[in-house]
Amino acid sequence: MSGGSTASCTALVEDLRQQVLDAAAAEQRLVPVGGRTQLSWCRPDHDGPGGPGSLDLSGLRGVVEYEPGEGTVTAWAGTSWSERSEEH
């Protein structure tokens, strides 16, 4: 994850882990969201009874792997296309 120390990244992952554990204990569904740019593609009902909560993954940013010859990129959920272009 770019833009942060190992300690801050570890803290972020631990916070996300705790949110997942809390939701599981409450039998609440979670919808993982990154940069919130493509929610219209597949947005579950957030307002109905028992609707899912959001698991904000926007802090997980950065390109993990870029293979220009293959035309593939692996990035964390909060990484924007412009960030991908800047990094590679």
N, C-alpha and C. Protein backbone atom coordinates (compact mmCIF):
# COMPACT_ATOMS: atom_id res chain seq x y z
N MET A 1 0.85 -1.16 0.00
CA MET A 1 0.00 0.00 0.00
C MET A 1 0.89 1.22 0.00
N SER A 2 0.69 2.06 -0.96
CA SER A 2 1.53 3.22 -1.08
C SER A 2 1.07 4.32 -0.14
N GLY A 3 1.97 5.26 0.12
CA GLY A 3 1.62 6.45 0.86
C GLY A 3 1.50 6.28 2.36
N GLY A 4 2.03 5.21 2.92
CA GLY A 4 1.93 5.05 4.36
C GLY A 4 3.01 4.16 4.90
N SER A 5 3.25 4.29 6.18
CA SER A 5 4.24 3.45 6.82
C SER A 5 3.68 2.06 7.02
N THR A 6 4.58 1.13 7.30
CA THR A 6 4.14 -0.23 7.57
C THR A 6 3.22 -0.26 8.78
N ALA A 7 3.52 0.55 9.79
CA ALA A 7 2.68 0.58 11.00
C ALA A 7 1.29 1.08 10.68
N SER A 8 1.17 2.13 9.85
CA SER A 8 -0.17 2.64 9.53
C SER A 8 -0.93 1.66 8.65
N CYS A 9 -0.24 0.97 7.76
CA CYS A 9 -0.89 -0.05 6.93
C CYS A 9 -1.37 -1.20 7.78
N THR A 10 -0.54 -1.62 8.74
CA THR A 10 -0.92 -2.70 9.64
C THR A 10 -2.14 -2.29 10.47
N ALA A 11 -2.16 -1.05 10.93
CA ALA A 11 -3.30 -0.56 11.71
C ALA A 11 -4.56 -0.53 10.86
N LEU A 12 -4.45 -0.12 9.60
CA LEU A 12 -5.61 -0.09 8.70
C LEU A 12 -6.16 -1.49 8.48
N VAL A 13 -5.29 -2.43 8.20
CA VAL A 13 -5.73 -3.82 7.98
C VAL A 13 -6.36 -4.38 9.25
N GLU A 14 -5.79 -4.08 10.41
CA GLU A 14 -6.37 -4.56 11.67
C GLU A 14 -7.74 -3.95 11.90
N ASP A 15 -7.92 -2.67 11.56
CA ASP A 15 -9.22 -2.02 11.70
C ASP A 15 -10.25 -2.68 10.78
N LEU A 16 -9.86 -2.96 9.54
CA LEU A 16 -10.77 -3.64 8.61
C LEU A 16 -11.12 -5.04 9.12
N ARG A 17 -10.13 -5.73 9.63
CA ARG A 17 -10.36 -7.07 10.20
C ARG A 17 -11.40 -7.00 11.31
N GLN A 18 -11.26 -6.02 12.20
CA GLN A 18 -12.19 -5.89 13.31
C GLN A 18 -13.60 -5.57 12.82
N GLN A 19 -13.71 -4.73 11.80
CA GLN A 19 -15.02 -4.42 11.24
C GLN A 19 -15.69 -5.67 10.69
N VAL A 20 -14.92 -6.51 10.03
CA VAL A 20 -15.46 -7.76 9.48
C VAL A 20 -15.90 -8.69 10.61
N LEU A 21 -15.08 -8.81 11.64
CA LEU A 21 -15.44 -9.66 12.78
C LEU A 21 -16.70 -9.14 13.47
N ASP A 22 -16.80 -7.82 13.66
CA ASP A 22 -17.98 -7.23 14.30
C ASP A 22 -19.23 -7.47 13.47
N ALA A 23 -19.11 -7.30 12.16
CA ALA A 23 -20.25 -7.52 11.27
C ALA A 23 -20.68 -8.99 11.30
N ALA A 24 -19.71 -9.88 11.31
CA ALA A 24 -20.03 -11.32 11.37
C ALA A 24 -20.75 -11.65 12.67
N ALA A 25 -20.28 -11.09 13.77
CA ALA A 25 -20.92 -11.36 15.06
C ALA A 25 -22.36 -10.84 15.09
N ALA A 26 -22.59 -9.72 14.38
CA ALA A 26 -23.94 -9.13 14.33
C ALA A 26 -24.76 -9.69 13.16
N GLU A 27 -24.19 -10.64 12.45
CA GLU A 27 -24.82 -11.23 11.26
C GLU A 27 -25.23 -10.15 10.25
N GLN A 28 -24.35 -9.16 10.10
CA GLN A 28 -24.56 -8.06 9.15
C GLN A 28 -23.71 -8.30 7.91
N ARG A 29 -24.32 -8.11 6.75
CA ARG A 29 -23.57 -8.22 5.51
C ARG A 29 -22.77 -6.94 5.29
N LEU A 30 -21.63 -7.08 4.62
CA LEU A 30 -20.80 -5.94 4.27
C LEU A 30 -20.58 -5.91 2.76
N VAL A 31 -20.53 -4.72 2.22
CA VAL A 31 -20.20 -4.52 0.82
C VAL A 31 -18.85 -3.81 0.78
N PRO A 32 -17.83 -4.45 0.22
CA PRO A 32 -16.54 -3.77 0.14
C PRO A 32 -16.59 -2.67 -0.93
N VAL A 33 -16.13 -1.48 -0.58
CA VAL A 33 -16.08 -0.37 -1.53
C VAL A 33 -14.68 0.23 -1.50
N GLY A 34 -14.22 0.61 -2.67
CA GLY A 34 -12.90 1.23 -2.80
C GLY A 34 -13.05 2.72 -3.00
N GLY A 35 -12.81 3.18 -4.23
CA GLY A 35 -12.89 4.60 -4.53
C GLY A 35 -14.29 5.10 -4.78
N ARG A 36 -15.28 4.22 -4.70
CA ARG A 36 -16.69 4.55 -4.90
C ARG A 36 -16.98 5.11 -6.30
N THR A 37 -16.19 4.73 -7.28
CA THR A 37 -16.39 5.25 -8.63
C THR A 37 -17.29 4.36 -9.48
N GLN A 38 -17.48 3.11 -9.10
CA GLN A 38 -18.25 2.19 -9.93
C GLN A 38 -19.40 1.54 -9.16
N LEU A 39 -19.94 2.23 -8.17
CA LEU A 39 -21.04 1.64 -7.39
C LEU A 39 -22.27 1.37 -8.24
N SER A 40 -22.43 2.10 -9.32
CA SER A 40 -23.61 1.90 -10.17
C SER A 40 -23.57 0.56 -10.89
N TRP A 41 -22.41 -0.06 -11.00
CA TRP A 41 -22.29 -1.35 -11.68
C TRP A 41 -23.05 -2.43 -10.93
N CYS A 42 -22.93 -2.43 -9.63
CA CYS A 42 -23.55 -3.48 -8.83
C CYS A 42 -23.72 -2.97 -7.42
N ARG A 43 -24.75 -2.21 -7.21
CA ARG A 43 -24.98 -1.64 -5.87
C ARG A 43 -26.15 -2.32 -5.20
N PRO A 44 -25.88 -3.09 -4.16
CA PRO A 44 -26.98 -3.71 -3.43
C PRO A 44 -27.79 -2.66 -2.67
N ASP A 45 -28.98 -3.03 -2.28
CA ASP A 45 -29.86 -2.14 -1.54
C ASP A 45 -29.26 -1.85 -0.17
N HIS A 46 -28.90 -0.59 0.06
CA HIS A 46 -28.34 -0.20 1.34
C HIS A 46 -29.42 0.24 2.33
N ASP A 47 -30.61 0.51 1.84
CA ASP A 47 -31.63 1.11 2.69
C ASP A 47 -32.64 0.12 3.26
N GLY A 48 -32.73 -1.04 2.68
CA GLY A 48 -33.73 -2.01 3.14
C GLY A 48 -33.34 -2.66 4.46
N PRO A 49 -34.31 -3.29 5.10
CA PRO A 49 -34.01 -4.00 6.35
C PRO A 49 -32.96 -5.08 6.11
N GLY A 50 -31.98 -5.11 6.96
CA GLY A 50 -30.92 -6.12 6.82
C GLY A 50 -29.97 -5.80 5.69
N GLY A 51 -30.08 -4.58 5.16
CA GLY A 51 -29.19 -4.18 4.07
C GLY A 51 -27.74 -4.16 4.55
N PRO A 52 -26.83 -4.32 3.63
CA PRO A 52 -25.43 -4.42 4.02
C PRO A 52 -24.86 -3.08 4.44
N GLY A 53 -23.84 -3.15 5.27
CA GLY A 53 -23.05 -1.98 5.59
C GLY A 53 -21.89 -1.90 4.61
N SER A 54 -21.21 -0.78 4.60
CA SER A 54 -20.07 -0.61 3.70
C SER A 54 -18.77 -0.86 4.45
N LEU A 55 -17.87 -1.56 3.79
CA LEU A 55 -16.52 -1.77 4.30
C LEU A 55 -15.61 -0.91 3.44
N ASP A 56 -15.19 0.22 3.97
CA ASP A 56 -14.43 1.21 3.21
C ASP A 56 -12.98 0.74 3.02
N LEU A 57 -12.64 0.44 1.77
CA LEU A 57 -11.30 -0.02 1.43
C LEU A 57 -10.48 1.07 0.74
N SER A 58 -10.96 2.33 0.78
CA SER A 58 -10.30 3.40 0.05
C SER A 58 -8.89 3.68 0.56
N GLY A 59 -8.59 3.29 1.79
CA GLY A 59 -7.25 3.48 2.31
C GLY A 59 -6.24 2.49 1.76
N LEU A 60 -6.73 1.45 1.11
CA LEU A 60 -5.85 0.45 0.49
C LEU A 60 -5.55 0.92 -0.92
N ARG A 61 -4.42 1.61 -1.07
CA ARG A 61 -4.10 2.24 -2.35
C ARG A 61 -2.73 1.82 -2.82
N GLY A 62 -2.59 1.75 -4.13
CA GLY A 62 -1.30 1.47 -4.73
C GLY A 62 -1.35 0.29 -5.68
N VAL A 63 -0.42 0.30 -6.60
CA VAL A 63 -0.30 -0.77 -7.58
C VAL A 63 0.57 -1.87 -6.98
N VAL A 64 0.07 -3.09 -7.03
CA VAL A 64 0.80 -4.25 -6.52
C VAL A 64 1.69 -4.81 -7.62
N GLU A 65 1.12 -4.93 -8.82
CA GLU A 65 1.87 -5.51 -9.94
C GLU A 65 1.33 -4.95 -11.24
N TYR A 66 2.22 -4.64 -12.16
CA TYR A 66 1.84 -4.13 -13.47
C TYR A 66 2.61 -4.90 -14.53
N GLU A 67 1.89 -5.52 -15.45
CA GLU A 67 2.49 -6.30 -16.53
C GLU A 67 2.09 -5.68 -17.86
N PRO A 68 2.85 -4.68 -18.36
CA PRO A 68 2.44 -4.01 -19.59
C PRO A 68 2.34 -4.95 -20.79
N GLY A 69 3.22 -5.93 -20.86
CA GLY A 69 3.17 -6.89 -21.96
C GLY A 69 1.91 -7.74 -21.95
N GLU A 70 1.38 -7.97 -20.78
CA GLU A 70 0.16 -8.77 -20.62
C GLU A 70 -1.09 -7.90 -20.62
N GLY A 71 -0.88 -6.58 -20.42
CA GLY A 71 -2.03 -5.68 -20.35
C GLY A 71 -2.81 -5.84 -19.06
N THR A 72 -2.13 -6.21 -17.96
CA THR A 72 -2.81 -6.42 -16.69
C THR A 72 -2.19 -5.56 -15.60
N VAL A 73 -3.02 -5.20 -14.66
CA VAL A 73 -2.57 -4.48 -13.47
C VAL A 73 -3.30 -5.06 -12.26
N THR A 74 -2.56 -5.24 -11.18
CA THR A 74 -3.15 -5.65 -9.91
C THR A 74 -2.96 -4.50 -8.95
N ALA A 75 -4.08 -3.99 -8.40
CA ALA A 75 -4.02 -2.83 -7.52
C ALA A 75 -4.93 -3.04 -6.33
N TRP A 76 -4.63 -2.33 -5.26
CA TRP A 76 -5.49 -2.34 -4.08
C TRP A 76 -6.81 -1.66 -4.43
N ALA A 77 -7.84 -1.97 -3.65
CA ALA A 77 -9.21 -1.54 -3.95
C ALA A 77 -9.40 -0.04 -4.05
N GLY A 78 -8.66 0.76 -3.32
CA GLY A 78 -8.86 2.21 -3.33
C GLY A 78 -8.03 2.95 -4.36
N THR A 79 -7.34 2.24 -5.22
CA THR A 79 -6.45 2.86 -6.21
C THR A 79 -7.24 3.37 -7.40
N SER A 80 -7.05 4.64 -7.74
CA SER A 80 -7.73 5.21 -8.90
C SER A 80 -6.93 4.91 -10.17
N TRP A 81 -7.59 5.06 -11.31
CA TRP A 81 -6.88 4.86 -12.59
C TRP A 81 -5.78 5.89 -12.75
N SER A 82 -6.01 7.10 -12.28
CA SER A 82 -4.95 8.11 -12.41
C SER A 82 -3.74 7.76 -11.56
N GLU A 83 -3.95 7.19 -10.40
CA GLU A 83 -2.82 6.74 -9.57
C GLU A 83 -2.07 5.61 -10.26
N ARG A 84 -2.78 4.73 -10.91
CA ARG A 84 -2.14 3.64 -11.62
C ARG A 84 -1.24 4.20 -12.71
N SER A 85 -1.73 5.22 -13.41
CA SER A 85 -0.96 5.84 -14.48
C SER A 85 0.28 6.55 -13.94
N GLU A 86 0.14 7.19 -12.78
CA GLU A 86 1.27 7.89 -12.18
C GLU A 86 2.37 6.95 -11.75
N GLU A 87 1.98 5.79 -11.24
CA GLU A 87 2.96 4.84 -10.72
C GLU A 87 3.67 4.08 -11.84
N HIS A 88 2.99 3.96 -12.99
CA HIS A 88 3.59 3.18 -14.08
C HIS A 88 3.41 3.88 -15.38
